[in-house]
């Protein structure tokens, strides 16, 4: 089993770019090397309107790791 690790800001910007280019969640997961459920959760937590916000997502992750 793989060890859990948080998404990096680089991966979050990749998710943003792939999403804008029209890739599905499964395709994005394959491209960045994570499980599709990781992408699903990431988008569920960090979509405002219809847009994924990678900078906001990273800020939230950083603030959670400080607690």
N, C-alpha and C. Protein backbone atom coordinates (compact mmCIF):
# COMPACT_ATOMS: atom_id res chain seq x y z
N UNK A 1 0.85 -1.18 0.00
CA UNK A 1 0.00 0.00 0.00
C UNK A 1 0.89 1.24 0.00
N UNK A 2 0.49 2.23 -0.75
CA UNK A 2 1.27 3.47 -0.82
C UNK A 2 1.08 4.32 0.42
N UNK A 3 2.13 5.02 0.79
CA UNK A 3 2.07 5.95 1.92
C UNK A 3 1.32 7.20 1.49
N UNK A 4 0.50 7.72 2.38
CA UNK A 4 -0.25 8.94 2.10
C UNK A 4 0.69 10.13 2.04
N UNK A 5 0.47 11.00 1.09
CA UNK A 5 1.18 12.28 1.06
C UNK A 5 0.25 13.32 0.45
N UNK A 6 0.36 14.52 0.96
CA UNK A 6 -0.50 15.59 0.46
C UNK A 6 -0.10 15.98 -0.96
N UNK A 7 -1.06 16.52 -1.68
CA UNK A 7 -0.77 17.03 -3.01
C UNK A 7 0.11 18.26 -2.89
N UNK A 8 1.01 18.40 -3.81
CA UNK A 8 1.88 19.58 -3.82
C UNK A 8 1.23 20.69 -4.63
N UNK A 9 1.76 21.89 -4.51
CA UNK A 9 1.24 23.01 -5.29
C UNK A 9 1.42 22.73 -6.78
N UNK A 10 2.52 22.08 -7.15
CA UNK A 10 2.75 21.74 -8.57
C UNK A 10 1.66 20.81 -9.09
N UNK A 11 1.32 19.80 -8.32
CA UNK A 11 0.27 18.87 -8.73
C UNK A 11 -1.07 19.59 -8.80
N UNK A 12 -1.31 20.49 -7.85
CA UNK A 12 -2.57 21.23 -7.88
C UNK A 12 -2.68 22.10 -9.14
N UNK A 13 -1.59 22.69 -9.58
CA UNK A 13 -1.63 23.47 -10.82
C UNK A 13 -1.76 22.55 -12.04
N UNK A 14 -1.23 21.33 -11.96
CA UNK A 14 -1.43 20.37 -13.04
C UNK A 14 -2.91 19.98 -13.12
N UNK A 15 -3.52 19.73 -11.97
CA UNK A 15 -4.95 19.42 -11.94
C UNK A 15 -5.74 20.54 -12.58
N UNK A 16 -5.40 21.77 -12.23
CA UNK A 16 -6.06 22.95 -12.79
C UNK A 16 -5.95 22.96 -14.32
N UNK A 17 -4.75 22.75 -14.83
CA UNK A 17 -4.51 22.79 -16.28
C UNK A 17 -5.24 21.64 -16.98
N UNK A 18 -5.16 20.44 -16.42
CA UNK A 18 -5.82 19.30 -17.04
C UNK A 18 -7.34 19.47 -17.03
N UNK A 19 -7.85 20.01 -15.95
CA UNK A 19 -9.30 20.24 -15.85
C UNK A 19 -9.74 21.26 -16.90
N UNK A 20 -8.96 22.32 -17.05
CA UNK A 20 -9.28 23.34 -18.06
C UNK A 20 -9.22 22.79 -19.48
N UNK A 21 -8.36 21.80 -19.69
CA UNK A 21 -8.24 21.22 -21.03
C UNK A 21 -9.30 20.16 -21.29
N UNK A 22 -10.13 19.86 -20.29
CA UNK A 22 -11.26 18.96 -20.50
C UNK A 22 -11.06 17.51 -20.13
N UNK A 23 -9.95 17.18 -19.47
CA UNK A 23 -9.74 15.79 -19.04
C UNK A 23 -10.73 15.41 -17.95
N UNK A 24 -11.07 14.13 -17.92
CA UNK A 24 -11.95 13.63 -16.86
C UNK A 24 -11.14 13.46 -15.57
N UNK A 25 -11.84 13.25 -14.48
CA UNK A 25 -11.16 13.04 -13.20
C UNK A 25 -10.25 11.81 -13.26
N UNK A 26 -10.69 10.75 -13.91
CA UNK A 26 -9.87 9.55 -14.04
C UNK A 26 -8.62 9.81 -14.87
N UNK A 27 -8.76 10.57 -15.93
CA UNK A 27 -7.61 10.90 -16.77
C UNK A 27 -6.62 11.78 -16.00
N UNK A 28 -7.15 12.74 -15.25
CA UNK A 28 -6.28 13.61 -14.44
C UNK A 28 -5.52 12.76 -13.42
N UNK A 29 -6.21 11.85 -12.76
CA UNK A 29 -5.59 10.99 -11.76
C UNK A 29 -4.44 10.19 -12.38
N UNK A 30 -4.68 9.64 -13.55
CA UNK A 30 -3.64 8.87 -14.24
C UNK A 30 -2.44 9.76 -14.57
N UNK A 31 -2.70 10.97 -15.05
CA UNK A 31 -1.62 11.88 -15.43
C UNK A 31 -0.76 12.31 -14.25
N UNK A 32 -1.38 12.57 -13.11
CA UNK A 32 -0.60 13.05 -11.95
C UNK A 32 -0.17 11.93 -11.02
N UNK A 33 -0.66 10.70 -11.27
CA UNK A 33 -0.21 9.54 -10.50
C UNK A 33 -0.84 9.37 -9.14
N UNK A 34 -2.13 9.68 -9.04
CA UNK A 34 -2.85 9.48 -7.78
C UNK A 34 -4.12 8.69 -8.07
N UNK A 35 -4.78 8.24 -7.03
CA UNK A 35 -6.03 7.50 -7.17
C UNK A 35 -7.13 8.46 -7.61
N UNK A 36 -8.05 8.00 -8.44
CA UNK A 36 -9.15 8.88 -8.89
C UNK A 36 -9.95 9.50 -7.73
N UNK A 37 -10.08 8.78 -6.63
CA UNK A 37 -10.82 9.34 -5.50
C UNK A 37 -10.10 10.55 -4.90
N UNK A 38 -8.78 10.59 -5.02
CA UNK A 38 -8.02 11.76 -4.54
C UNK A 38 -8.42 13.00 -5.34
N UNK A 39 -8.53 12.84 -6.65
CA UNK A 39 -8.93 13.96 -7.51
C UNK A 39 -10.36 14.36 -7.19
N UNK A 40 -11.22 13.39 -7.02
CA UNK A 40 -12.62 13.68 -6.69
C UNK A 40 -12.72 14.50 -5.41
N UNK A 41 -12.02 14.07 -4.36
CA UNK A 41 -12.06 14.80 -3.08
C UNK A 41 -11.46 16.19 -3.22
N UNK A 42 -10.34 16.28 -3.94
CA UNK A 42 -9.67 17.57 -4.12
C UNK A 42 -10.59 18.57 -4.81
N UNK A 43 -11.27 18.12 -5.85
CA UNK A 43 -12.17 19.01 -6.58
C UNK A 43 -13.40 19.35 -5.74
N UNK A 44 -13.91 18.38 -5.01
CA UNK A 44 -15.08 18.61 -4.17
C UNK A 44 -14.79 19.69 -3.12
N UNK A 45 -13.60 19.65 -2.56
CA UNK A 45 -13.23 20.60 -1.51
C UNK A 45 -12.88 21.99 -2.03
N UNK A 46 -12.40 22.06 -3.28
CA UNK A 46 -11.76 23.30 -3.73
C UNK A 46 -12.29 23.88 -5.03
N UNK A 47 -13.54 23.61 -5.35
CA UNK A 47 -14.14 24.22 -6.52
C UNK A 47 -15.06 25.33 -6.05
N UNK A 48 -14.84 26.51 -6.60
CA UNK A 48 -15.70 27.66 -6.31
C UNK A 48 -16.44 27.98 -7.61
N UNK A 49 -17.76 27.89 -7.57
CA UNK A 49 -18.51 28.00 -8.81
C UNK A 49 -18.22 26.76 -9.62
N UNK A 50 -17.62 26.92 -10.79
CA UNK A 50 -17.23 25.77 -11.60
C UNK A 50 -15.72 25.70 -11.76
N UNK A 51 -15.00 26.54 -11.04
CA UNK A 51 -13.54 26.62 -11.23
C UNK A 51 -12.78 26.07 -10.04
N UNK A 52 -11.79 25.26 -10.36
CA UNK A 52 -10.89 24.73 -9.34
C UNK A 52 -9.87 25.82 -9.01
N UNK A 53 -9.61 26.01 -7.73
CA UNK A 53 -8.70 27.06 -7.27
C UNK A 53 -7.47 26.45 -6.61
N UNK A 54 -6.38 26.24 -7.37
CA UNK A 54 -5.20 25.57 -6.81
C UNK A 54 -4.52 26.37 -5.70
N UNK A 55 -4.45 27.68 -5.83
CA UNK A 55 -3.78 28.49 -4.81
C UNK A 55 -4.57 28.44 -3.51
N UNK A 56 -5.88 28.55 -3.60
CA UNK A 56 -6.75 28.47 -2.43
C UNK A 56 -6.64 27.07 -1.80
N UNK A 57 -6.59 26.04 -2.64
CA UNK A 57 -6.47 24.67 -2.14
C UNK A 57 -5.18 24.50 -1.34
N UNK A 58 -4.09 25.04 -1.85
CA UNK A 58 -2.80 24.92 -1.17
C UNK A 58 -2.82 25.70 0.15
N UNK A 59 -3.42 26.88 0.14
CA UNK A 59 -3.51 27.68 1.37
C UNK A 59 -4.29 26.93 2.44
N UNK A 60 -5.40 26.29 2.04
CA UNK A 60 -6.19 25.53 2.99
C UNK A 60 -5.39 24.34 3.53
N UNK A 61 -4.68 23.65 2.65
CA UNK A 61 -3.86 22.50 3.08
C UNK A 61 -2.76 22.95 4.03
N UNK A 62 -2.14 24.06 3.72
CA UNK A 62 -1.08 24.58 4.59
C UNK A 62 -1.62 24.94 5.97
N UNK A 63 -2.78 25.56 6.01
CA UNK A 63 -3.35 25.97 7.30
C UNK A 63 -3.77 24.75 8.11
N UNK A 64 -4.23 23.69 7.45
CA UNK A 64 -4.62 22.47 8.15
C UNK A 64 -3.40 21.75 8.73
N UNK A 65 -2.28 21.82 8.04
CA UNK A 65 -1.09 21.12 8.54
C UNK A 65 -0.47 21.83 9.74
N UNK A 66 -0.82 23.08 9.94
CA UNK A 66 -0.31 23.84 11.10
C UNK A 66 -1.08 23.53 12.36
N UNK A 67 -2.25 22.95 12.24
CA UNK A 67 -3.09 22.67 13.43
C UNK A 67 -2.66 21.42 14.13
